[in-house]
Amino acid sequence: MTLYEKINVIIQIITLLFLGIGLVFTIIQIKKLTCQLHQNSTIHKQNHLWNRMIASQNALLEHGTTKISKLLTEFDIVNRTEAIPIAEINNKFTENPELQNSVHLYLNMYEGFARGVRQGIYDEEIIKNARKTAMIVCLRSFSAYIDNLKIKQPKALIELDTLVKKWQHEDLNTENRKVTGNF
């Protein structure tokens, strides 16, 4: 083997060595990049959840109970255990036409909460903890009126109805805690 051939072989070995080192560094960088992307994804999910919680709280604060207090007293919703008859609702609307607008705002507010929960805009647990009972009472109290609305608009308030039924179903299926000491 001549000197030229020996130098050529040494250069090829050094080249292969550098290529191998470069390949190792590339693999390490790809692993680090994958780890960073996973961390960014986790942080993004956490930020999204936090933003949904904040949006839920803001929506609840924006739609405070002061706007609906007149409705609660006018129809005595707090003390009712059954649906308000449609005749009574229509009589109240005749006596006070602005009351119909208040009822629609009340129903649409809860429909908006329910739609926001379904679309992932609002956090369900926050809305549920803050307004579950009020939404159930609202749906029950105005069920006759809602049924009347659905004759003209079959999809009216469907999000509210679906969410309330889901919550009621969950209440029926809650598991009891095991008694302490029983194995």
N, C-alpha and C. Protein backbone atom coordinates (compact mmCIF):
# COMPACT_ATOMS: atom_id res chain seq x y z
N MET A 1 0.84 -1.16 0.00
CA MET A 1 0.00 0.00 0.00
C MET A 1 0.90 1.23 0.00
N THR A 2 0.58 2.14 -0.85
CA THR A 2 1.40 3.34 -0.98
C THR A 2 0.98 4.34 0.09
N LEU A 3 1.79 5.35 0.24
CA LEU A 3 1.53 6.40 1.21
C LEU A 3 0.22 7.11 0.89
N TYR A 4 -0.02 7.34 -0.39
CA TYR A 4 -1.25 8.00 -0.82
C TYR A 4 -2.47 7.18 -0.41
N GLU A 5 -2.42 5.89 -0.59
CA GLU A 5 -3.54 5.01 -0.23
C GLU A 5 -3.75 4.99 1.28
N LYS A 6 -2.64 4.97 2.05
CA LYS A 6 -2.74 4.98 3.51
C LYS A 6 -3.40 6.27 3.99
N ILE A 7 -3.00 7.41 3.43
CA ILE A 7 -3.57 8.71 3.81
C ILE A 7 -5.06 8.74 3.42
N ASN A 8 -5.36 8.20 2.26
CA ASN A 8 -6.75 8.17 1.79
C ASN A 8 -7.62 7.32 2.74
N VAL A 9 -7.13 6.18 3.21
CA VAL A 9 -7.86 5.32 4.14
C VAL A 9 -8.05 6.03 5.47
N ILE A 10 -6.98 6.69 5.95
CA ILE A 10 -7.07 7.43 7.22
C ILE A 10 -8.11 8.54 7.11
N ILE A 11 -8.12 9.26 6.00
CA ILE A 11 -9.10 10.34 5.79
C ILE A 11 -10.51 9.76 5.75
N GLN A 12 -10.69 8.62 5.11
CA GLN A 12 -12.01 7.99 5.07
C GLN A 12 -12.46 7.54 6.46
N ILE A 13 -11.54 7.01 7.26
CA ILE A 13 -11.87 6.58 8.62
C ILE A 13 -12.26 7.80 9.47
N ILE A 14 -11.49 8.89 9.34
CA ILE A 14 -11.79 10.12 10.09
C ILE A 14 -13.16 10.67 9.64
N THR A 15 -13.42 10.62 8.35
CA THR A 15 -14.71 11.09 7.83
C THR A 15 -15.86 10.26 8.40
N LEU A 16 -15.70 8.95 8.40
CA LEU A 16 -16.73 8.07 8.97
C LEU A 16 -16.90 8.33 10.47
N LEU A 17 -15.80 8.58 11.16
CA LEU A 17 -15.86 8.88 12.59
C LEU A 17 -16.66 10.17 12.83
N PHE A 18 -16.38 11.22 12.05
CA PHE A 18 -17.12 12.47 12.18
C PHE A 18 -18.60 12.30 11.82
N LEU A 19 -18.86 11.49 10.79
CA LEU A 19 -20.26 11.23 10.43
C LEU A 19 -20.98 10.50 11.56
N GLY A 20 -20.30 9.53 12.18
CA GLY A 20 -20.90 8.80 13.31
C GLY A 20 -21.17 9.72 14.50
N ILE A 21 -20.20 10.59 14.82
CA ILE A 21 -20.39 11.54 15.91
C ILE A 21 -21.53 12.50 15.58
N GLY A 22 -21.58 12.97 14.35
CA GLY A 22 -22.67 13.86 13.93
C GLY A 22 -24.02 13.18 14.03
N LEU A 23 -24.07 11.90 13.64
CA LEU A 23 -25.32 11.15 13.72
C LEU A 23 -25.76 10.99 15.18
N VAL A 24 -24.83 10.73 16.08
CA VAL A 24 -25.15 10.60 17.51
C VAL A 24 -25.70 11.93 18.03
N PHE A 25 -25.05 13.04 17.71
CA PHE A 25 -25.54 14.34 18.15
C PHE A 25 -26.92 14.66 17.56
N THR A 26 -27.14 14.27 16.32
CA THR A 26 -28.45 14.50 15.69
C THR A 26 -29.54 13.71 16.42
N ILE A 27 -29.26 12.48 16.75
CA ILE A 27 -30.23 11.65 17.48
C ILE A 27 -30.52 12.27 18.85
N ILE A 28 -29.47 12.73 19.53
CA ILE A 28 -29.65 13.36 20.84
C ILE A 28 -30.53 14.62 20.70
N GLN A 29 -30.28 15.43 19.69
CA GLN A 29 -31.06 16.65 19.47
C GLN A 29 -32.52 16.34 19.14
N ILE A 30 -32.74 15.29 18.36
CA ILE A 30 -34.11 14.90 18.03
C ILE A 30 -34.85 14.45 19.29
N LYS A 31 -34.17 13.69 20.16
CA LYS A 31 -34.79 13.26 21.41
C LYS A 31 -35.11 14.45 22.30
N LYS A 32 -34.18 15.41 22.39
CA LYS A 32 -34.43 16.61 23.19
C LYS A 32 -35.59 17.43 22.61
N LEU A 33 -35.64 17.53 21.29
CA LEU A 33 -36.72 18.26 20.63
C LEU A 33 -38.06 17.60 20.90
N THR A 34 -38.11 16.26 20.83
CA THR A 34 -39.34 15.53 21.12
C THR A 34 -39.79 15.77 22.56
N CYS A 35 -38.85 15.76 23.48
CA CYS A 35 -39.16 16.01 24.89
C CYS A 35 -39.68 17.44 25.07
N GLN A 36 -39.06 18.39 24.41
CA GLN A 36 -39.49 19.79 24.50
C GLN A 36 -40.89 19.96 23.91
N LEU A 37 -41.17 19.32 22.80
CA LEU A 37 -42.50 19.41 22.20
C LEU A 37 -43.55 18.82 23.12
N HIS A 38 -43.23 17.71 23.79
CA HIS A 38 -44.15 17.10 24.74
C HIS A 38 -44.41 18.04 25.92
N GLN A 39 -43.35 18.67 26.43
CA GLN A 39 -43.51 19.62 27.53
C GLN A 39 -44.36 20.81 27.10
N ASN A 40 -44.10 21.33 25.90
CA ASN A 40 -44.89 22.45 25.39
C ASN A 40 -46.36 22.07 25.25
N SER A 41 -46.62 20.86 24.78
CA SER A 41 -47.99 20.40 24.64
C SER A 41 -48.68 20.32 26.00
N THR A 42 -47.98 19.81 26.99
CA THR A 42 -48.53 19.71 28.35
C THR A 42 -48.81 21.10 28.91
N ILE A 43 -47.89 22.01 28.74
CA ILE A 43 -48.08 23.38 29.22
C ILE A 43 -49.25 24.04 28.50
N HIS A 44 -49.36 23.81 27.19
CA HIS A 44 -50.47 24.38 26.42
C HIS A 44 -51.81 23.85 26.93
N LYS A 45 -51.90 22.56 27.21
CA LYS A 45 -53.14 21.98 27.73
C LYS A 45 -53.49 22.58 29.08
N GLN A 46 -52.49 22.74 29.94
CA GLN A 46 -52.73 23.33 31.26
C GLN A 46 -53.19 24.78 31.13
N ASN A 47 -52.56 25.53 30.24
CA ASN A 47 -52.97 26.93 30.00
C ASN A 47 -54.39 27.00 29.46
N HIS A 48 -54.71 26.08 28.56
CA HIS A 48 -56.06 26.06 27.99
C HIS A 48 -57.09 25.77 29.08
N LEU A 49 -56.79 24.81 29.94
CA LEU A 49 -57.70 24.50 31.05
C LEU A 49 -57.84 25.71 31.97
N TRP A 50 -56.75 26.35 32.29
CA TRP A 50 -56.79 27.53 33.15
C TRP A 50 -57.64 28.63 32.50
N ASN A 51 -57.43 28.87 31.21
CA ASN A 51 -58.19 29.91 30.51
C ASN A 51 -59.69 29.58 30.48
N ARG A 52 -60.02 28.29 30.34
CA ARG A 52 -61.44 27.89 30.39
C ARG A 52 -62.02 28.16 31.77
N MET A 53 -61.23 27.90 32.80
CA MET A 53 -61.71 28.16 34.15
C MET A 53 -61.94 29.65 34.38
N ILE A 54 -61.01 30.46 33.91
CA ILE A 54 -61.15 31.92 34.04
C ILE A 54 -62.36 32.40 33.25
N ALA A 55 -62.53 31.90 32.03
CA ALA A 55 -63.69 32.28 31.21
C ALA A 55 -64.99 31.89 31.90
N SER A 56 -65.00 30.74 32.54
CA SER A 56 -66.19 30.30 33.27
C SER A 56 -66.51 31.24 34.42
N GLN A 57 -65.49 31.57 35.19
CA GLN A 57 -65.69 32.48 36.31
C GLN A 57 -66.17 33.85 35.83
N ASN A 58 -65.56 34.35 34.76
CA ASN A 58 -65.97 35.65 34.23
C ASN A 58 -67.41 35.63 33.73
N ALA A 59 -67.79 34.55 33.08
CA ALA A 59 -69.17 34.44 32.59
C ALA A 59 -70.15 34.39 33.75
N LEU A 60 -69.79 33.68 34.81
CA LEU A 60 -70.66 33.61 35.97
C LEU A 60 -70.79 34.98 36.65
N LEU A 61 -69.69 35.71 36.73
CA LEU A 61 -69.74 37.03 37.33
C LEU A 61 -70.52 38.02 36.47
N GLU A 62 -70.33 37.90 35.16
CA GLU A 62 -71.01 38.80 34.22
C GLU A 62 -72.52 38.62 34.28
N HIS A 63 -72.97 37.40 34.45
CA HIS A 63 -74.39 37.09 34.49
C HIS A 63 -74.82 36.83 35.93
N GLY A 64 -74.60 37.79 36.77
CA GLY A 64 -74.94 37.65 38.18
C GLY A 64 -76.44 37.49 38.39
N THR A 65 -76.79 37.17 39.60
CA THR A 65 -78.19 36.90 39.92
C THR A 65 -79.03 38.17 40.02
N THR A 66 -78.41 39.34 40.03
CA THR A 66 -79.20 40.57 40.13
C THR A 66 -80.12 40.75 38.93
N LYS A 67 -79.72 40.28 37.78
CA LYS A 67 -80.54 40.40 36.57
C LYS A 67 -81.78 39.52 36.63
N ILE A 68 -81.73 38.45 37.41
CA ILE A 68 -82.84 37.51 37.41
C ILE A 68 -83.65 37.54 38.70
N SER A 69 -83.29 38.41 39.63
CA SER A 69 -84.00 38.43 40.90
C SER A 69 -85.47 38.79 40.72
N LYS A 70 -85.78 39.67 39.77
CA LYS A 70 -87.18 40.03 39.51
C LYS A 70 -87.97 38.81 39.03
N LEU A 71 -87.35 38.03 38.18
CA LEU A 71 -88.00 36.81 37.69
C LEU A 71 -88.28 35.83 38.81
N LEU A 72 -87.30 35.67 39.67
CA LEU A 72 -87.45 34.72 40.77
C LEU A 72 -88.63 35.09 41.66
N THR A 73 -88.78 36.39 41.93
CA THR A 73 -89.89 36.81 42.79
C THR A 73 -91.22 36.82 42.03
N GLU A 74 -91.20 37.22 40.78
CA GLU A 74 -92.43 37.31 39.99
C GLU A 74 -93.10 35.95 39.84
N PHE A 75 -92.31 34.92 39.61
CA PHE A 75 -92.86 33.57 39.41
C PHE A 75 -92.71 32.69 40.66
N ASP A 76 -92.14 33.23 41.72
CA ASP A 76 -91.92 32.49 42.97
C ASP A 76 -91.21 31.15 42.68
N ILE A 77 -90.15 31.24 41.90
CA ILE A 77 -89.43 30.06 41.44
C ILE A 77 -88.79 29.29 42.60
N VAL A 78 -88.33 30.00 43.59
CA VAL A 78 -87.62 29.36 44.70
C VAL A 78 -88.52 28.39 45.46
N ASN A 79 -89.79 28.74 45.60
CA ASN A 79 -90.70 27.91 46.39
C ASN A 79 -91.47 26.89 45.56
N ARG A 80 -91.27 26.87 44.28
CA ARG A 80 -92.00 25.93 43.42
C ARG A 80 -91.27 24.60 43.35
N THR A 81 -92.07 23.55 43.26
CA THR A 81 -91.49 22.21 43.08
C THR A 81 -91.95 21.59 41.77
N GLU A 82 -92.79 22.32 41.03
CA GLU A 82 -93.29 21.80 39.75
C GLU A 82 -93.19 22.90 38.70
N ALA A 83 -93.47 22.53 37.47
CA ALA A 83 -93.39 23.47 36.36
C ALA A 83 -94.46 24.56 36.50
N ILE A 84 -94.11 25.74 36.06
CA ILE A 84 -95.08 26.84 36.05
C ILE A 84 -96.04 26.58 34.89
N PRO A 85 -97.34 26.59 35.15
CA PRO A 85 -98.29 26.36 34.05
C PRO A 85 -98.17 27.43 32.97
N ILE A 86 -98.31 27.02 31.74
CA ILE A 86 -98.18 27.93 30.60
C ILE A 86 -99.20 29.07 30.67
N ALA A 87 -100.38 28.80 31.19
CA ALA A 87 -101.40 29.84 31.32
C ALA A 87 -100.93 30.93 32.28
N GLU A 88 -100.32 30.53 33.38
CA GLU A 88 -99.80 31.50 34.34
C GLU A 88 -98.70 32.35 33.72
N ILE A 89 -97.82 31.69 32.98
CA ILE A 89 -96.73 32.42 32.32
C ILE A 89 -97.30 33.43 31.33
N ASN A 90 -98.25 33.00 30.51
CA ASN A 90 -98.85 33.90 29.52
C ASN A 90 -99.58 35.06 30.20
N ASN A 91 -100.26 34.80 31.32
CA ASN A 91 -100.94 35.88 32.06
C ASN A 91 -99.93 36.90 32.56
N LYS A 92 -98.82 36.43 33.10
CA LYS A 92 -97.78 37.35 33.59
C LYS A 92 -97.19 38.17 32.43
N PHE A 93 -97.03 37.53 31.26
CA PHE A 93 -96.51 38.25 30.10
C PHE A 93 -97.49 39.32 29.64
N THR A 94 -98.78 39.03 29.74
CA THR A 94 -99.81 40.00 29.36
C THR A 94 -99.79 41.18 30.32
N GLU A 95 -99.66 40.91 31.61
CA GLU A 95 -99.61 41.96 32.62
C GLU A 95 -98.35 42.80 32.50
N ASN A 96 -97.24 42.15 32.19
CA ASN A 96 -95.95 42.83 32.14
C ASN A 96 -95.17 42.30 30.93
N PRO A 97 -95.29 42.96 29.76
CA PRO A 97 -94.65 42.46 28.54
C PRO A 97 -93.11 42.35 28.65
N GLU A 98 -92.51 43.18 29.49
CA GLU A 98 -91.05 43.12 29.65
C GLU A 98 -90.61 41.81 30.32
N LEU A 99 -91.50 41.19 31.04
CA LEU A 99 -91.21 39.94 31.73
C LEU A 99 -90.84 38.83 30.74
N GLN A 100 -91.46 38.82 29.58
CA GLN A 100 -91.13 37.81 28.57
C GLN A 100 -89.67 37.94 28.13
N ASN A 101 -89.23 39.17 27.96
CA ASN A 101 -87.84 39.41 27.60
C ASN A 101 -86.91 38.91 28.70
N SER A 102 -87.30 39.13 29.95
CA SER A 102 -86.49 38.67 31.08
C SER A 102 -86.41 37.15 31.12
N VAL A 103 -87.52 36.49 30.84
CA VAL A 103 -87.52 35.02 30.82
C VAL A 103 -86.60 34.52 29.71
N HIS A 104 -86.66 35.15 28.54
CA HIS A 104 -85.80 34.73 27.44
C HIS A 104 -84.33 34.97 27.78
N LEU A 105 -84.02 36.10 28.40
CA LEU A 105 -82.64 36.35 28.81
C LEU A 105 -82.16 35.31 29.81
N TYR A 106 -83.03 34.97 30.74
CA TYR A 106 -82.73 33.97 31.78
C TYR A 106 -82.45 32.61 31.13
N LEU A 107 -83.34 32.17 30.27
CA LEU A 107 -83.17 30.88 29.60
C LEU A 107 -81.95 30.89 28.68
N ASN A 108 -81.76 31.97 27.94
CA ASN A 108 -80.63 32.06 27.01
C ASN A 108 -79.30 32.12 27.75
N MET A 109 -79.29 32.73 28.94
CA MET A 109 -78.07 32.76 29.74
C MET A 109 -77.63 31.33 30.07
N TYR A 110 -78.56 30.51 30.55
CA TYR A 110 -78.22 29.14 30.89
C TYR A 110 -77.95 28.30 29.65
N GLU A 111 -78.63 28.58 28.57
CA GLU A 111 -78.34 27.89 27.31
C GLU A 111 -76.91 28.23 26.86
N GLY A 112 -76.52 29.48 27.04
CA GLY A 112 -75.15 29.89 26.70
C GLY A 112 -74.10 29.19 27.55
N PHE A 113 -74.40 29.05 28.84
CA PHE A 113 -73.47 28.30 29.70
C PHE A 113 -73.35 26.86 29.23
N ALA A 114 -74.48 26.25 28.93
CA ALA A 114 -74.49 24.84 28.50
C ALA A 114 -73.75 24.68 27.17
N ARG A 115 -73.97 25.59 26.25
CA ARG A 115 -73.29 25.53 24.96
C ARG A 115 -71.78 25.73 25.15
N GLY A 116 -71.42 26.65 26.02
CA GLY A 116 -70.00 26.89 26.30
C GLY A 116 -69.33 25.67 26.91
N VAL A 117 -70.05 24.96 27.76
CA VAL A 117 -69.50 23.73 28.35
C VAL A 117 -69.31 22.68 27.26
N ARG A 118 -70.32 22.50 26.41
CA ARG A 118 -70.23 21.48 25.36
C ARG A 118 -69.09 21.78 24.38
N GLN A 119 -68.89 23.05 24.07
CA GLN A 119 -67.87 23.41 23.10
C GLN A 119 -66.48 23.58 23.72
N GLY A 120 -66.39 23.39 25.03
CA GLY A 120 -65.08 23.47 25.68
C GLY A 120 -64.64 24.89 25.98
N ILE A 121 -65.54 25.84 25.90
CA ILE A 121 -65.19 27.22 26.21
C ILE A 121 -65.19 27.42 27.72
N TYR A 122 -66.18 26.85 28.39
CA TYR A 122 -66.29 26.95 29.84
C TYR A 122 -65.94 25.61 30.47
N ASP A 123 -65.44 25.68 31.68
CA ASP A 123 -65.12 24.50 32.45
C ASP A 123 -66.39 23.96 33.10
N GLU A 124 -66.72 22.72 32.81
CA GLU A 124 -67.98 22.14 33.29
C GLU A 124 -68.06 22.11 34.81
N GLU A 125 -66.98 21.76 35.47
CA GLU A 125 -67.03 21.65 36.93
C GLU A 125 -67.32 22.99 37.59
N ILE A 126 -66.77 24.07 37.05
CA ILE A 126 -67.01 25.38 37.64
C ILE A 126 -68.47 25.79 37.42
N ILE A 127 -68.97 25.61 36.21
CA ILE A 127 -70.37 25.95 35.93
C ILE A 127 -71.28 25.06 36.77
N LYS A 128 -70.95 23.78 36.85
CA LYS A 128 -71.76 22.83 37.61
C LYS A 128 -71.80 23.20 39.10
N ASN A 129 -70.64 23.50 39.67
CA ASN A 129 -70.59 23.85 41.08
C ASN A 129 -71.32 25.16 41.38
N ALA A 130 -71.27 26.09 40.44
CA ALA A 130 -71.86 27.40 40.68
C ALA A 130 -73.36 27.45 40.38
N ARG A 131 -73.80 26.74 39.32
CA ARG A 131 -75.17 26.94 38.86
C ARG A 131 -75.99 25.68 38.63
N LYS A 132 -75.52 24.55 39.04
CA LYS A 132 -76.24 23.29 38.75
C LYS A 132 -77.68 23.35 39.26
N THR A 133 -77.86 23.65 40.52
CA THR A 133 -79.20 23.66 41.09
C THR A 133 -80.07 24.72 40.40
N ALA A 134 -79.51 25.89 40.18
CA ALA A 134 -80.28 26.96 39.53
C ALA A 134 -80.68 26.57 38.11
N MET A 135 -79.80 25.88 37.40
CA MET A 135 -80.13 25.47 36.03
C MET A 135 -81.20 24.38 36.03
N ILE A 136 -81.13 23.48 36.99
CA ILE A 136 -82.15 22.44 37.09
C ILE A 136 -83.50 23.06 37.43
N VAL A 137 -83.51 23.98 38.39
CA VAL A 137 -84.76 24.65 38.78
C VAL A 137 -85.31 25.47 37.61
N CYS A 138 -84.45 26.14 36.89
CA CYS A 138 -84.87 26.93 35.72
C CYS A 138 -85.54 26.03 34.69
N LEU A 139 -84.90 24.93 34.37
CA LEU A 139 -85.45 24.02 33.37
C LEU A 139 -86.77 23.43 33.83
N ARG A 140 -86.84 23.04 35.10
CA ARG A 140 -88.08 22.49 35.63
C ARG A 140 -89.19 23.53 35.67
N SER A 141 -88.87 24.72 36.15
CA SER A 141 -89.89 25.76 36.31
C SER A 141 -90.49 26.18 34.98
N PHE A 142 -89.66 26.32 33.98
CA PHE A 142 -90.13 26.81 32.68
C PHE A 142 -90.29 25.70 31.65
N SER A 143 -90.41 24.47 32.10
CA SER A 143 -90.50 23.35 31.15
C SER A 143 -91.73 23.47 30.24
N ALA A 144 -92.85 23.91 30.78
CA ALA A 144 -94.05 24.07 29.95
C ALA A 144 -93.83 25.15 28.89
N TYR A 145 -93.20 26.23 29.29
CA TYR A 145 -92.91 27.32 28.35
C TYR A 145 -91.90 26.86 27.29
N ILE A 146 -90.89 26.11 27.73
CA ILE A 146 -89.89 25.60 26.79
C ILE A 146 -90.52 24.63 25.80
N ASP A 147 -91.40 23.76 26.29
CA ASP A 147 -92.10 22.84 25.39
C ASP A 147 -92.92 23.62 24.36
N ASN A 148 -93.53 24.70 24.79
CA ASN A 148 -94.30 25.55 23.89
C ASN A 148 -93.38 26.20 22.85
N LEU A 149 -92.19 26.62 23.28
CA LEU A 149 -91.21 27.20 22.35
C LEU A 149 -90.75 26.17 21.32
N LYS A 150 -90.60 24.93 21.76
CA LYS A 150 -90.10 23.88 20.87
C LYS A 150 -91.08 23.51 19.77
N ILE A 151 -92.32 23.90 19.92
CA ILE A 151 -93.28 23.66 18.83
C ILE A 151 -92.86 24.48 17.61
N LYS A 152 -92.42 25.72 17.85
CA LYS A 152 -91.99 26.60 16.76
C LYS A 152 -90.52 26.37 16.40
N GLN A 153 -89.70 26.12 17.42
CA GLN A 153 -88.25 25.95 17.23
C GLN A 153 -87.82 24.66 17.93
N PRO A 154 -87.82 23.55 17.21
CA PRO A 154 -87.55 22.24 17.84
C PRO A 154 -86.21 22.13 18.57
N LYS A 155 -85.23 22.93 18.17
CA LYS A 155 -83.92 22.84 18.80
C LYS A 155 -83.70 23.89 19.88
N ALA A 156 -84.75 24.60 20.25
CA ALA A 156 -84.63 25.64 21.27
C ALA A 156 -84.21 25.04 22.60
N LEU A 157 -83.18 25.64 23.18
CA LEU A 157 -82.69 25.29 24.52
C LEU A 157 -82.30 23.82 24.67
N ILE A 158 -81.86 23.21 23.59
CA ILE A 158 -81.50 21.79 23.62
C ILE A 158 -80.20 21.57 24.40
N GLU A 159 -79.28 22.53 24.35
CA GLU A 159 -78.01 22.39 25.08
C GLU A 159 -78.26 22.37 26.59
N LEU A 160 -79.12 23.27 27.04
CA LEU A 160 -79.46 23.33 28.47
C LEU A 160 -80.12 22.04 28.92
N ASP A 161 -81.06 21.57 28.14
CA ASP A 161 -81.77 20.34 28.46
C ASP A 161 -80.80 19.15 28.53
N THR A 162 -79.91 19.06 27.57
CA THR A 162 -78.95 17.96 27.53
C THR A 162 -78.00 17.99 28.72
N LEU A 163 -77.48 19.16 29.04
CA LEU A 163 -76.53 19.27 30.15
C LEU A 163 -77.21 18.97 31.49
N VAL A 164 -78.40 19.50 31.69
CA VAL A 164 -79.11 19.25 32.96
C VAL A 164 -79.43 17.77 33.10
N LYS A 165 -79.88 17.14 32.03
CA LYS A 165 -80.17 15.71 32.09
C LYS A 165 -78.90 14.90 32.40
N LYS A 166 -77.79 15.31 31.83
CA LYS A 166 -76.51 14.64 32.10
C LYS A 166 -76.18 14.74 33.59
N TRP A 167 -76.31 15.93 34.14
CA TRP A 167 -76.01 16.12 35.56
C TRP A 167 -76.96 15.32 36.44
N GLN A 168 -78.22 15.29 36.08
CA GLN A 168 -79.19 14.52 36.86
C GLN A 168 -78.87 13.03 36.79
N HIS A 169 -78.46 12.56 35.61
CA HIS A 169 -78.09 11.16 35.44
C HIS A 169 -76.84 10.83 36.27
N GLU A 170 -75.88 11.74 36.28
CA GLU A 170 -74.67 11.54 37.09
C GLU A 170 -75.02 11.43 38.56
N ASP A 171 -75.98 12.24 39.00
CA ASP A 171 -76.39 12.19 40.41
C ASP A 171 -76.95 10.82 40.77
N LEU A 172 -77.65 10.19 39.84
CA LEU A 172 -78.22 8.88 40.09
C LEU A 172 -77.16 7.78 40.13
N ASN A 173 -76.04 8.02 39.44
CA ASN A 173 -75.02 7.00 39.31
C ASN A 173 -73.78 7.25 40.17
N THR A 174 -73.91 8.05 41.20
CA THR A 174 -72.75 8.27 42.05
C THR A 174 -72.48 7.03 42.89
N GLU A 175 -71.21 6.70 42.98
CA GLU A 175 -70.84 5.51 43.73
C GLU A 175 -70.66 5.87 45.20
N ASN A 176 -71.13 5.00 46.06
CA ASN A 176 -70.95 5.22 47.48
C ASN A 176 -69.56 4.77 47.89
N ARG A 177 -69.03 5.43 48.89
CA ARG A 177 -67.73 5.08 49.42
C ARG A 177 -67.85 3.78 50.19
N LYS A 178 -66.80 2.94 50.11
CA LYS A 178 -66.81 1.68 50.87
C LYS A 178 -66.79 1.99 52.36
N VAL A 179 -67.46 1.17 53.10
CA VAL A 179 -67.50 1.33 54.55
C VAL A 179 -66.10 1.02 55.09
N THR A 180 -65.65 1.86 55.99
CA THR A 180 -64.32 1.68 56.57
C THR A 180 -64.25 0.36 57.33
N GLY A 181 -63.20 -0.38 57.09
CA GLY A 181 -63.00 -1.63 57.81
C GLY A 181 -63.50 -2.86 57.07
N ASN A 182 -64.30 -2.68 56.02
CA ASN A 182 -64.78 -3.82 55.24
C ASN A 182 -63.77 -4.14 54.15
N PHE A 183 -63.42 -5.40 54.06
CA PHE A 183 -62.43 -5.80 53.06
C PHE A 183 -63.05 -6.66 52.01
